[in-house]
Amino acid sequence: SSSLVNIYQLIVVSRLNMDVQTMEEVPKKASDPQDCRADLRERFLWAVTSLIGKDVTITMHENITTNGVFRGIDKDVLSVQVQNLKTPAIIYPWAMVRVPDCFSIRFKL
């Protein structure tokens, strides 16, 4: 789905802000699948943490666009917590948005 692609792009962009691994570190981590999964999980958590408090624009079904402040995502990447979510009908102080209902999630960096 396109929302998952946007999240993976987010991880890549956020990774640019982290220290780049040295060439000596890569073969050690690549040799053990469990170490690779742990490294990817750590990168994902760093990416999500770096986005907390950023403005977010969410495009949903029927081209509905909402705005708010990103506050977090659940461990399964199935819902996003947004503060001051502005919808066409109402402003919600806090909301959980289901990721499968989203076409895109864009962050203002």
PDB file of N, CA and C in Angstrom:
ATOM      1  N   SER A   1       0.834  -1.190   0.000  1.00  0.00           N
ATOM      2  CA  SER A   1       0.000   0.000   0.000  1.00  0.00           C
ATOM      3  C   SER A   1       0.872   1.243   0.000  1.00  0.00           C
ATOM      4  N   SER A   2       0.337   2.348  -0.480  1.00  0.00           N
ATOM      5  CA  SER A   2       1.132   3.575  -0.604  1.00  0.00           C
ATOM      6  C   SER A   2       1.525   4.144   0.748  1.00  0.00           C
ATOM      7  N   SER A   3       0.708   3.938   1.783  1.00  0.00           N
ATOM      8  CA  SER A   3       1.074   4.465   3.099  1.00  0.00           C
ATOM      9  C   SER A   3       2.294   3.749   3.648  1.00  0.00           C
ATOM     10  N   LEU A   4       2.420   2.448   3.367  1.00  0.00           N
ATOM     11  CA  LEU A   4       3.612   1.725   3.810  1.00  0.00           C
ATOM     12  C   LEU A   4       4.844   2.203   3.066  1.00  0.00           C
ATOM     13  N   VAL A   5       4.697   2.501   1.771  1.00  0.00           N
ATOM     14  CA  VAL A   5       5.820   3.038   1.001  1.00  0.00           C
ATOM     15  C   VAL A   5       6.270   4.355   1.605  1.00  0.00           C
ATOM     16  N   ASN A   6       5.326   5.218   1.973  1.00  0.00           N
ATOM     17  CA  ASN A   6       5.682   6.498   2.583  1.00  0.00           C
ATOM     18  C   ASN A   6       6.406   6.300   3.908  1.00  0.00           C
ATOM     19  N   ILE A   7       6.007   5.315   4.689  1.00  0.00           N
ATOM     20  CA  ILE A   7       6.672   5.057   5.966  1.00  0.00           C
ATOM     21  C   ILE A   7       8.087   4.565   5.727  1.00  0.00           C
ATOM     22  N   TYR A   8       8.279   3.684   4.723  1.00  0.00           N
ATOM     23  CA  TYR A   8       9.626   3.211   4.427  1.00  0.00           C
ATOM     24  C   TYR A   8      10.498   4.349   3.911  1.00  0.00           C
ATOM     25  N   GLN A   9       9.927   5.264   3.104  1.00  0.00           N
ATOM     26  CA  GLN A   9      10.686   6.429   2.651  1.00  0.00           C
ATOM     27  C   GLN A   9      11.057   7.294   3.847  1.00  0.00           C
ATOM     28  N   LEU A  10      10.170   7.404   4.795  1.00  0.00           N
ATOM     29  CA  LEU A  10      10.424   8.150   6.016  1.00  0.00           C
ATOM     30  C   LEU A  10      11.623   7.578   6.756  1.00  0.00           C
ATOM     31  N   ILE A  11      11.721   6.260   6.821  1.00  0.00           N
ATOM     32  CA  ILE A  11      12.843   5.623   7.504  1.00  0.00           C
ATOM     33  C   ILE A  11      14.146   5.981   6.812  1.00  0.00           C
ATOM     34  N   VAL A  12      14.150   5.963   5.481  1.00  0.00           N
ATOM     35  CA  VAL A  12      15.366   6.291   4.734  1.00  0.00           C
ATOM     36  C   VAL A  12      15.762   7.738   4.969  1.00  0.00           C
ATOM     37  N   VAL A  13      14.792   8.659   4.896  1.00  0.00           N
ATOM     38  CA  VAL A  13      15.093  10.076   5.107  1.00  0.00           C
ATOM     39  C   VAL A  13      15.603  10.313   6.515  1.00  0.00           C
ATOM     40  N   SER A  14      14.959   9.710   7.499  1.00  0.00           N
ATOM     41  CA  SER A  14      15.384   9.893   8.877  1.00  0.00           C
ATOM     42  C   SER A  14      16.755   9.283   9.108  1.00  0.00           C
ATOM     43  N   ARG A  15      17.061   8.213   8.422  1.00  0.00           N
ATOM     44  CA  ARG A  15      18.363   7.554   8.574  1.00  0.00           C
ATOM     45  C   ARG A  15      19.484   8.495   8.151  1.00  0.00           C
ATOM     46  N   LEU A  16      19.219   9.405   7.222  1.00  0.00           N
ATOM     47  CA  LEU A  16      20.243  10.347   6.778  1.00  0.00           C
ATOM     48  C   LEU A  16      20.714  11.237   7.916  1.00  0.00           C
ATOM     49  N   ASN A  17      19.865  11.455   8.906  1.00  0.00           N
ATOM     50  CA  ASN A  17      20.224  12.293  10.045  1.00  0.00           C
ATOM     51  C   ASN A  17      21.040  11.541  11.086  1.00  0.00           C
ATOM     52  N   MET A  18      21.095  10.226  10.996  1.00  0.00           N
ATOM     53  CA  MET A  18      21.843   9.424  11.956  1.00  0.00           C
ATOM     54  C   MET A  18      23.278   9.266  11.482  1.00  0.00           C
ATOM     55  N   ASP A  19      24.148   8.861  12.381  1.00  0.00           N
ATOM     56  CA  ASP A  19      25.534   8.606  12.008  1.00  0.00           C
ATOM     57  C   ASP A  19      25.600   7.455  11.017  1.00  0.00           C
ATOM     58  N   VAL A  20      26.447   7.599  10.004  1.00  0.00           N
ATOM     59  CA  VAL A  20      26.613   6.557   9.003  1.00  0.00           C
ATOM     60  C   VAL A  20      27.522   5.471   9.566  1.00  0.00           C
ATOM     61  N   GLN A  21      27.157   4.226   9.323  1.00  0.00           N
ATOM     62  CA  GLN A  21      27.961   3.123   9.824  1.00  0.00           C
ATOM     63  C   GLN A  21      29.285   3.048   9.070  1.00  0.00           C
ATOM     64  N   THR A  22      30.310   2.604   9.768  1.00  0.00           N
ATOM     65  CA  THR A  22      31.593   2.378   9.107  1.00  0.00           C
ATOM     66  C   THR A  22      31.532   1.050   8.375  1.00  0.00           C
ATOM     67  N   MET A  23      32.399   0.864   7.409  1.00  0.00           N
ATOM     68  CA  MET A  23      32.396  -0.362   6.624  1.00  0.00           C
ATOM     69  C   MET A  23      32.713  -1.583   7.483  1.00  0.00           C
ATOM     70  N   GLU A  24      33.450  -1.404   8.582  1.00  0.00           N
ATOM     71  CA  GLU A  24      33.777  -2.534   9.448  1.00  0.00           C
ATOM     72  C   GLU A  24      32.538  -3.062  10.166  1.00  0.00           C
ATOM     73  N   GLU A  25      31.558  -2.200  10.439  1.00  0.00           N
ATOM     74  CA  GLU A  25      30.372  -2.617  11.182  1.00  0.00           C
ATOM     75  C   GLU A  25      29.407  -3.423  10.329  1.00  0.00           C
ATOM     76  N   VAL A  26      29.324  -3.120   9.056  1.00  0.00           N
ATOM     77  CA  VAL A  26      28.305  -3.723   8.197  1.00  0.00           C
ATOM     78  C   VAL A  26      28.457  -5.237   8.078  1.00  0.00           C
ATOM     79  N   PRO A  27      29.644  -5.789   7.766  1.00  0.00           N
ATOM     80  CA  PRO A  27      29.729  -7.247   7.643  1.00  0.00           C
ATOM     81  C   PRO A  27      29.380  -7.987   8.932  1.00  0.00           C
ATOM     82  N   LYS A  28      29.726  -7.454  10.089  1.00  0.00           N
ATOM     83  CA  LYS A  28      29.410  -8.111  11.358  1.00  0.00           C
ATOM     84  C   LYS A  28      27.904  -8.244  11.524  1.00  0.00           C
ATOM     85  N   LYS A  29      27.178  -7.160  11.265  1.00  0.00           N
ATOM     86  CA  LYS A  29      25.735  -7.177  11.455  1.00  0.00           C
ATOM     87  C   LYS A  29      25.043  -7.974  10.357  1.00  0.00           C
ATOM     88  N   ALA A  30      25.593  -7.957   9.154  1.00  0.00           N
ATOM     89  CA  ALA A  30      24.954  -8.647   8.040  1.00  0.00           C
ATOM     90  C   ALA A  30      25.101 -10.160   8.147  1.00  0.00           C
ATOM     91  N   SER A  31      26.043 -10.652   8.955  1.00  0.00           N
ATOM     92  CA  SER A  31      26.283 -12.091   9.025  1.00  0.00           C
ATOM     93  C   SER A  31      25.208 -12.827   9.829  1.00  0.00           C
ATOM     94  N   ASP A  32      24.543 -12.161  10.745  1.00  0.00           N
ATOM     95  CA  ASP A  32      23.541 -12.808  11.593  1.00  0.00           C
ATOM     96  C   ASP A  32      22.166 -12.180  11.336  1.00  0.00           C
ATOM     97  N   PRO A  33      21.189 -12.970  10.871  1.00  0.00           N
ATOM     98  CA  PRO A  33      19.863 -12.405  10.583  1.00  0.00           C
ATOM     99  C   PRO A  33      19.216 -11.720  11.784  1.00  0.00           C
ATOM    100  N   GLN A  34      19.431 -12.250  12.971  1.00  0.00           N
ATOM    101  CA  GLN A  34      18.840 -11.632  14.160  1.00  0.00           C
ATOM    102  C   GLN A  34      19.446 -10.256  14.402  1.00  0.00           C
ATOM    103  N   ASP A  35      20.760 -10.116  14.189  1.00  0.00           N
ATOM    104  CA  ASP A  35      21.400  -8.808  14.328  1.00  0.00           C
ATOM    105  C   ASP A  35      20.881  -7.832  13.279  1.00  0.00           C
ATOM    106  N   CYS A  36      20.641  -8.333  12.067  1.00  0.00           N
ATOM    107  CA  CYS A  36      20.091  -7.480  11.006  1.00  0.00           C
ATOM    108  C   CYS A  36      18.704  -6.971  11.391  1.00  0.00           C
ATOM    109  N   ARG A  37      17.847  -7.868  11.895  1.00  0.00           N
ATOM    110  CA  ARG A  37      16.502  -7.456  12.316  1.00  0.00           C
ATOM    111  C   ARG A  37      16.566  -6.454  13.459  1.00  0.00           C
ATOM    112  N   ALA A  38      17.467  -6.681  14.401  1.00  0.00           N
ATOM    113  CA  ALA A  38      17.611  -5.759  15.534  1.00  0.00           C
ATOM    114  C   ALA A  38      18.074  -4.394  15.053  1.00  0.00           C
ATOM    115  N   ASP A  39      19.001  -4.371  14.097  1.00  0.00           N
ATOM    116  CA  ASP A  39      19.498  -3.104  13.559  1.00  0.00           C
ATOM    117  C   ASP A  39      18.389  -2.360  12.817  1.00  0.00           C
ATOM    118  N   LEU A  40      17.609  -3.083  12.007  1.00  0.00           N
ATOM    119  CA  LEU A  40      16.501  -2.450  11.290  1.00  0.00           C
ATOM    120  C   LEU A  40      15.449  -1.916  12.257  1.00  0.00           C
ATOM    121  N   ARG A  41      15.158  -2.666  13.307  1.00  0.00           N
ATOM    122  CA  ARG A  41      14.178  -2.218  14.309  1.00  0.00           C
ATOM    123  C   ARG A  41      14.668  -0.954  15.005  1.00  0.00           C
ATOM    124  N   GLU A  42      15.961  -0.926  15.343  1.00  0.00           N
ATOM    125  CA  GLU A  42      16.529   0.255  15.990  1.00  0.00           C
ATOM    126  C   GLU A  42      16.450   1.472  15.073  1.00  0.00           C
ATOM    127  N   ARG A  43      16.751   1.281  13.797  1.00  0.00           N
ATOM    128  CA  ARG A  43      16.659   2.389  12.834  1.00  0.00           C
ATOM    129  C   ARG A  43      15.226   2.891  12.718  1.00  0.00           C
ATOM    130  N   PHE A  44      14.267   1.951  12.681  1.00  0.00           N
ATOM    131  CA  PHE A  44      12.866   2.330  12.602  1.00  0.00           C
ATOM    132  C   PHE A  44      12.454   3.157  13.817  1.00  0.00           C
ATOM    133  N   LEU A  45      12.851   2.719  15.004  1.00  0.00           N
ATOM    134  CA  LEU A  45      12.510   3.453  16.226  1.00  0.00           C
ATOM    135  C   LEU A  45      13.144   4.835  16.238  1.00  0.00           C
ATOM    136  N   TRP A  46      14.388   4.952  15.772  1.00  0.00           N
ATOM    137  CA  TRP A  46      15.027   6.271  15.672  1.00  0.00           C
ATOM    138  C   TRP A  46      14.256   7.162  14.700  1.00  0.00           C
ATOM    139  N   ALA A  47      13.817   6.589  13.571  1.00  0.00           N
ATOM    140  CA  ALA A  47      13.076   7.362  12.575  1.00  0.00           C
ATOM    141  C   ALA A  47      11.769   7.884  13.153  1.00  0.00           C
ATOM    142  N   VAL A  48      11.013   7.005  13.801  1.00  0.00           N
ATOM    143  CA  VAL A  48       9.731   7.411  14.384  1.00  0.00           C
ATOM    144  C   VAL A  48       9.946   8.446  15.483  1.00  0.00           C
ATOM    145  N   THR A  49      10.926   8.229  16.333  1.00  0.00           N
ATOM    146  CA  THR A  49      11.206   9.163  17.430  1.00  0.00           C
ATOM    147  C   THR A  49      11.582  10.538  16.901  1.00  0.00           C
ATOM    148  N   SER A  50      12.322  10.587  15.802  1.00  0.00           N
ATOM    149  CA  SER A  50      12.743  11.880  15.258  1.00  0.00           C
ATOM    150  C   SER A  50      11.576  12.663  14.664  1.00  0.00           C
ATOM    151  N   LEU A  51      10.449  12.000  14.398  1.00  0.00           N
ATOM    152  CA  LEU A  51       9.293  12.669  13.798  1.00  0.00           C
ATOM    153  C   LEU A  51       8.262  13.151  14.811  1.00  0.00           C
ATOM    154  N   ILE A  52       8.396  12.772  16.059  1.00  0.00           N
ATOM    155  CA  ILE A  52       7.433  13.197  17.075  1.00  0.00           C
ATOM    156  C   ILE A  52       7.462  14.718  17.201  1.00  0.00           C
ATOM    157  N   GLY A  53       6.289  15.323  17.133  1.00  0.00           N
ATOM    158  CA  GLY A  53       6.166  16.775  17.231  1.00  0.00           C
ATOM    159  C   GLY A  53       6.187  17.489  15.889  1.00  0.00           C
ATOM    160  N   LYS A  54       6.387  16.758  14.798  1.00  0.00           N
ATOM    161  CA  LYS A  54       6.417  17.360  13.457  1.00  0.00           C
ATOM    162  C   LYS A  54       4.997  17.482  12.911  1.00  0.00           C
ATOM    163  N   ASP A  55       4.788  18.514  12.086  1.00  0.00           N
ATOM    164  CA  ASP A  55       3.503  18.674  11.411  1.00  0.00           C
ATOM    165  C   ASP A  55       3.323  17.550  10.398  1.00  0.00           C
ATOM    166  N   VAL A  56       2.103  17.040  10.313  1.00  0.00           N
ATOM    167  CA  VAL A  56       1.811  15.921   9.422  1.00  0.00           C
ATOM    168  C   VAL A  56       0.565  16.237   8.601  1.00  0.00           C
ATOM    169  N   THR A  57       0.598  15.831   7.329  1.00  0.00           N
ATOM    170  CA  THR A  57      -0.564  15.934   6.452  1.00  0.00           C
ATOM    171  C   THR A  57      -0.927  14.524   6.017  1.00  0.00           C
ATOM    172  N   ILE A  58      -2.165  14.146   6.263  1.00  0.00           N
ATOM    173  CA  ILE A  58      -2.623  12.793   5.946  1.00  0.00           C
ATOM    174  C   ILE A  58      -3.697  12.886   4.868  1.00  0.00           C
ATOM    175  N   THR A  59      -3.482  12.168   3.769  1.00  0.00           N
ATOM    176  CA  THR A  59      -4.479  12.079   2.706  1.00  0.00           C
ATOM    177  C   THR A  59      -5.176  10.736   2.845  1.00  0.00           C
ATOM    178  N   MET A  60      -6.512  10.797   2.913  1.00  0.00           N
ATOM    179  CA  MET A  60      -7.300   9.589   3.165  1.00  0.00           C
ATOM    180  C   MET A  60      -8.203   9.299   1.971  1.00  0.00           C
ATOM    181  N   HIS A  61      -9.045   8.269   2.107  1.00  0.00           N
ATOM    182  CA  HIS A  61      -9.981   7.899   1.048  1.00  0.00           C
ATOM    183  C   HIS A  61     -10.825   9.099   0.635  1.00  0.00           C
ATOM    184  N   GLU A  62     -11.269   9.083  -0.616  1.00  0.00           N
ATOM    185  CA  GLU A  62     -12.075  10.150  -1.200  1.00  0.00           C
ATOM    186  C   GLU A  62     -11.347  11.488  -1.180  1.00  0.00           C
ATOM    187  N   ASN A  63     -10.015  11.440  -1.208  1.00  0.00           N
ATOM    188  CA  ASN A  63      -9.163  12.636  -1.288  1.00  0.00           C
ATOM    189  C   ASN A  63      -9.365  13.597  -0.119  1.00  0.00           C
ATOM    190  N   ILE A  64      -9.687  13.084   1.039  1.00  0.00           N
ATOM    191  CA  ILE A  64      -9.837  13.907   2.237  1.00  0.00           C
ATOM    192  C   ILE A  64      -8.454  14.162   2.813  1.00  0.00           C
ATOM    193  N   THR A  65      -8.132  15.427   3.036  1.00  0.00           N
ATOM    194  CA  THR A  65      -6.837  15.807   3.586  1.00  0.00           C
ATOM    195  C   THR A  65      -7.029  16.325   5.004  1.00  0.00           C
ATOM    196  N   THR A  66      -6.223  15.813   5.917  1.00  0.00           N
ATOM    197  CA  THR A  66      -6.252  16.254   7.306  1.00  0.00           C
ATOM    198  C   THR A  66      -4.853  16.692   7.716  1.00  0.00           C
ATOM    199  N   ASN A  67      -4.778  17.538   8.728  1.00  0.00           N
ATOM    200  CA  ASN A  67      -3.494  18.036   9.229  1.00  0.00           C
ATOM    201  C   ASN A  67      -3.467  17.918  10.742  1.00  0.00           C
ATOM    202  N   GLY A  68      -2.266  17.841  11.279  1.00  0.00           N
ATOM    203  CA  GLY A  68      -2.111  17.790  12.724  1.00  0.00           C
ATOM    204  C   GLY A  68      -0.655  17.692  13.102  1.00  0.00           C
ATOM    205  N   VAL A  69      -0.407  17.268  14.330  1.00  0.00           N
ATOM    206  CA  VAL A  69       0.954  17.103  14.851  1.00  0.00           C
ATOM    207  C   VAL A  69       1.151  15.625  15.174  1.00  0.00           C
ATOM    208  N   PHE A  70       2.182  15.032  14.596  1.00  0.00           N
ATOM    209  CA  PHE A  70       2.474  13.611  14.801  1.00  0.00           C
ATOM    210  C   PHE A  70       2.934  13.380  16.230  1.00  0.00           C
ATOM    211  N   ARG A  71       2.332  12.374  16.904  1.00  0.00           N
ATOM    212  CA  ARG A  71       2.702  12.058  18.287  1.00  0.00           C
ATOM    213  C   ARG A  71       3.174  10.628  18.470  1.00  0.00           C
ATOM    214  N   GLY A  72       2.968   9.770  17.480  1.00  0.00           N
ATOM    215  CA  GLY A  72       3.460   8.408  17.617  1.00  0.00           C
ATOM    216  C   GLY A  72       2.756   7.447  16.687  1.00  0.00           C
ATOM    217  N   ILE A  73       3.255   6.209  16.703  1.00  0.00           N
ATOM    218  CA  ILE A  73       2.691   5.150  15.875  1.00  0.00           C
ATOM    219  C   ILE A  73       2.731   3.862  16.692  1.00  0.00           C
ATOM    220  N   ASP A  74       1.758   2.993  16.493  1.00  0.00           N
ATOM    221  CA  ASP A  74       1.758   1.752  17.272  1.00  0.00           C
ATOM    222  C   ASP A  74       2.801   0.775  16.738  1.00  0.00           C
ATOM    223  N   LYS A  75       3.079  -0.261  17.504  1.00  0.00           N
ATOM    224  CA  LYS A  75       4.174  -1.178  17.165  1.00  0.00           C
ATOM    225  C   LYS A  75       3.936  -1.945  15.873  1.00  0.00           C
ATOM    226  N   ASP A  76       2.692  -2.113  15.476  1.00  0.00           N
ATOM    227  CA  ASP A  76       2.378  -2.841  14.250  1.00  0.00           C
ATOM    228  C   ASP A  76       2.196  -1.920  13.046  1.00  0.00           C
ATOM    229  N   VAL A  77       2.386  -0.638  13.234  1.00  0.00           N
ATOM    230  CA  VAL A  77       2.223   0.390  12.196  1.00  0.00           C
ATOM    231  C   VAL A  77       0.811   0.314  11.609  1.00  0.00           C
ATOM    232  N   LEU A  78      -0.171   0.154  12.473  1.00  0.00           N
ATOM    233  CA  LEU A  78      -1.561   0.108  12.040  1.00  0.00           C
ATOM    234  C   LEU A  78      -2.332   1.372  12.391  1.00  0.00           C
ATOM    235  N   SER A  79      -1.802   2.180  13.305  1.00  0.00           N
ATOM    236  CA  SER A  79      -2.467   3.436  13.639  1.00  0.00           C
ATOM    237  C   SER A  79      -1.434   4.490  14.034  1.00  0.00           C
ATOM    238  N   VAL A  80      -1.789   5.728  13.735  1.00  0.00           N
ATOM    239  CA  VAL A  80      -0.936   6.879  14.004  1.00  0.00           C
ATOM    240  C   VAL A  80      -1.662   7.777  14.995  1.00  0.00           C
ATOM    241  N   GLN A  81      -0.961   8.232  16.015  1.00  0.00           N
ATOM    242  CA  GLN A  81      -1.557   9.157  16.971  1.00  0.00           C
ATOM    243  C   GLN A  81      -1.239  10.578  16.524  1.00  0.00           C
ATOM    244  N   VAL A  82      -2.285  11.411  16.428  1.00  0.00           N
ATOM    245  CA  VAL A  82      -2.146  12.781  15.940  1.00  0.00           C
ATOM    246  C   VAL A  82      -2.808  13.726  16.937  1.00  0.00           C
ATOM    247  N   GLN A  83      -2.123  14.827  17.218  1.00  0.00           N
ATOM    248  CA  GLN A  83      -2.665  15.866  18.094  1.00  0.00           C
ATOM    249  C   GLN A  83      -3.202  16.992  17.226  1.00  0.00           C
ATOM    250  N   ASN A  84      -4.295  17.622  17.659  1.00  0.00           N
ATOM    251  CA  ASN A  84      -4.930  18.730  16.938  1.00  0.00           C
ATOM    252  C   ASN A  84      -5.231  18.359  15.491  1.00  0.00           C
ATOM    253  N   LEU A  85      -5.861  17.217  15.295  1.00  0.00           N
ATOM    254  CA  LEU A  85      -6.193  16.741  13.952  1.00  0.00           C
ATOM    255  C   LEU A  85      -7.311  17.594  13.368  1.00  0.00           C
ATOM    256  N   LYS A  86      -7.006  18.279  12.273  1.00  0.00           N
ATOM    257  CA  LYS A  86      -7.981  19.152  11.610  1.00  0.00           C
ATOM    258  C   LYS A  86      -8.576  18.411  10.423  1.00  0.00           C
ATOM    259  N   THR A  87      -9.850  18.101  10.521  1.00  0.00           N
ATOM    260  CA  THR A  87     -10.580  17.446   9.438  1.00  0.00           C
ATOM    261  C   THR A  87     -11.514  18.480   8.819  1.00  0.00           C
ATOM    262  N   PRO A  88     -12.132  18.169   7.671  1.00  0.00           N
ATOM    263  CA  PRO A  88     -13.086  19.127   7.097  1.00  0.00           C
ATOM    264  C   PRO A  88     -14.265  19.436   8.021  1.00  0.00           C
ATOM    265  N   ALA A  89     -14.609  18.521   8.923  1.00  0.00           N
ATOM    266  CA  ALA A  89     -15.783  18.720   9.775  1.00  0.00           C
ATOM    267  C   ALA A  89     -15.461  19.267  11.156  1.00  0.00           C
ATOM    268  N   ILE A  90     -14.349  18.849  11.757  1.00  0.00           N
ATOM    269  CA  ILE A  90     -14.093  19.170  13.162  1.00  0.00           C
ATOM    270  C   ILE A  90     -12.597  19.083  13.450  1.00  0.00           C
ATOM    271  N   ILE A  91     -12.186  19.706  14.546  1.00  0.00           N
ATOM    272  CA  ILE A  91     -10.805  19.585  15.024  1.00  0.00           C
ATOM    273  C   ILE A  91     -10.826  18.691  16.263  1.00  0.00           C
ATOM    274  N   TYR A  92     -10.076  17.605  16.202  1.00  0.00           N
ATOM    275  CA  TYR A  92      -9.979  16.675  17.330  1.00  0.00           C
ATOM    276  C   TYR A  92      -8.715  16.980  18.126  1.00  0.00           C
ATOM    277  N   PRO A  93      -8.817  17.160  19.448  1.00  0.00           N
ATOM    278  CA  PRO A  93      -7.614  17.428  20.244  1.00  0.00           C
ATOM    279  C   PRO A  93      -6.611  16.274  20.149  1.00  0.00           C
ATOM    280  N   TRP A  94      -7.089  15.041  20.146  1.00  0.00           N
ATOM    281  CA  TRP A  94      -6.260  13.836  20.009  1.00  0.00           C
ATOM    282  C   TRP A  94      -7.024  12.844  19.151  1.00  0.00           C
ATOM    283  N   ALA A  95      -6.306  12.150  18.259  1.00  0.00           N
ATOM    284  CA  ALA A  95      -6.963  11.154  17.412  1.00  0.00           C
ATOM    285  C   ALA A  95      -5.997  10.031  17.063  1.00  0.00           C
ATOM    286  N   MET A  96      -6.575   8.846  16.889  1.00  0.00           N
ATOM    287  CA  MET A  96      -5.831   7.706  16.355  1.00  0.00           C
ATOM    288  C   MET A  96      -6.356   7.476  14.939  1.00  0.00           C
ATOM    289  N   VAL A  97      -5.470   7.549  13.963  1.00  0.00           N
ATOM    290  CA  VAL A  97      -5.847   7.379  12.566  1.00  0.00           C
ATOM    291  C   VAL A  97      -5.358   6.005  12.109  1.00  0.00           C
ATOM    292  N   ARG A  98      -6.250   5.234  11.523  1.00  0.00           N
ATOM    293  CA  ARG A  98      -5.858   3.910  11.023  1.00  0.00           C
ATOM    294  C   ARG A  98      -5.018   4.057   9.753  1.00  0.00           C
ATOM    295  N   VAL A  99      -3.837   3.479   9.743  1.00  0.00           N
ATOM    296  CA  VAL A  99      -2.939   3.570   8.591  1.00  0.00           C
ATOM    297  C   VAL A  99      -3.566   2.956   7.331  1.00  0.00           C
ATOM    298  N   PRO A 100      -4.299   1.832   7.408  1.00  0.00           N
ATOM    299  CA  PRO A 100      -4.908   1.296   6.183  1.00  0.00           C
ATOM    300  C   PRO A 100      -5.903   2.255   5.517  1.00  0.00           C
ATOM    301  N   ASP A 101      -6.419   3.231   6.254  1.00  0.00           N
ATOM    302  CA  ASP A 101      -7.340   4.217   5.687  1.00  0.00           C
ATOM    303  C   ASP A 101      -6.616   5.379   5.019  1.00  0.00           C
ATOM    304  N   CYS A 102      -5.301   5.394   5.075  1.00  0.00           N
ATOM    305  CA  CYS A 102      -4.507   6.515   4.562  1.00  0.00           C
ATOM    306  C   CYS A 102      -3.878   6.173   3.218  1.00  0.00           C
ATOM    307  N   PHE A 103      -3.933   7.132   2.289  1.00  0.00           N
ATOM    308  CA  PHE A 103      -3.193   6.988   1.037  1.00  0.00           C
ATOM    309  C   PHE A 103      -1.762   7.456   1.224  1.00  0.00           C
ATOM    310  N   SER A 104      -1.589   8.542   1.977  1.00  0.00           N
ATOM    311  CA  SER A 104      -0.233   9.044   2.225  1.00  0.00           C
ATOM    312  C   SER A 104      -0.174   9.751   3.572  1.00  0.00           C
ATOM    313  N   ILE A 105       1.009   9.710   4.155  1.00  0.00           N
ATOM    314  CA  ILE A 105       1.296  10.423   5.395  1.00  0.00           C
ATOM    315  C   ILE A 105       2.565  11.214   5.126  1.00  0.00           C
ATOM    316  N   ARG A 106       2.433  12.544   5.075  1.00  0.00           N
ATOM    317  CA  ARG A 106       3.579  13.403   4.744  1.00  0.00           C
ATOM    318  C   ARG A 106       3.949  14.240   5.955  1.00  0.00           C
ATOM    319  N   PHE A 107       5.253  14.350   6.180  1.00  0.00           N
ATOM    320  CA  PHE A 107       5.769  15.108   7.315  1.00  0.00           C
ATOM    321  C   PHE A 107       6.468  16.361   6.830  1.00  0.00           C
ATOM    322  N   LYS A 108       6.263  17.441   7.571  1.00  0.00           N
ATOM    323  CA  LYS A 108       6.994  18.673   7.287  1.00  0.00           C
ATOM    324  C   LYS A 108       8.269  18.632   8.119  1.00  0.00           C
ATOM    325  N   LEU A 109       9.406  18.456   7.452  1.00  0.00           N
ATOM    326  CA  LEU A 109      10.677  18.355   8.154  1.00  0.00           C
ATOM    327  C   LEU A 109      11.324  19.675   8.152  1.00  0.00           C
TER     328      LEU A 109
END
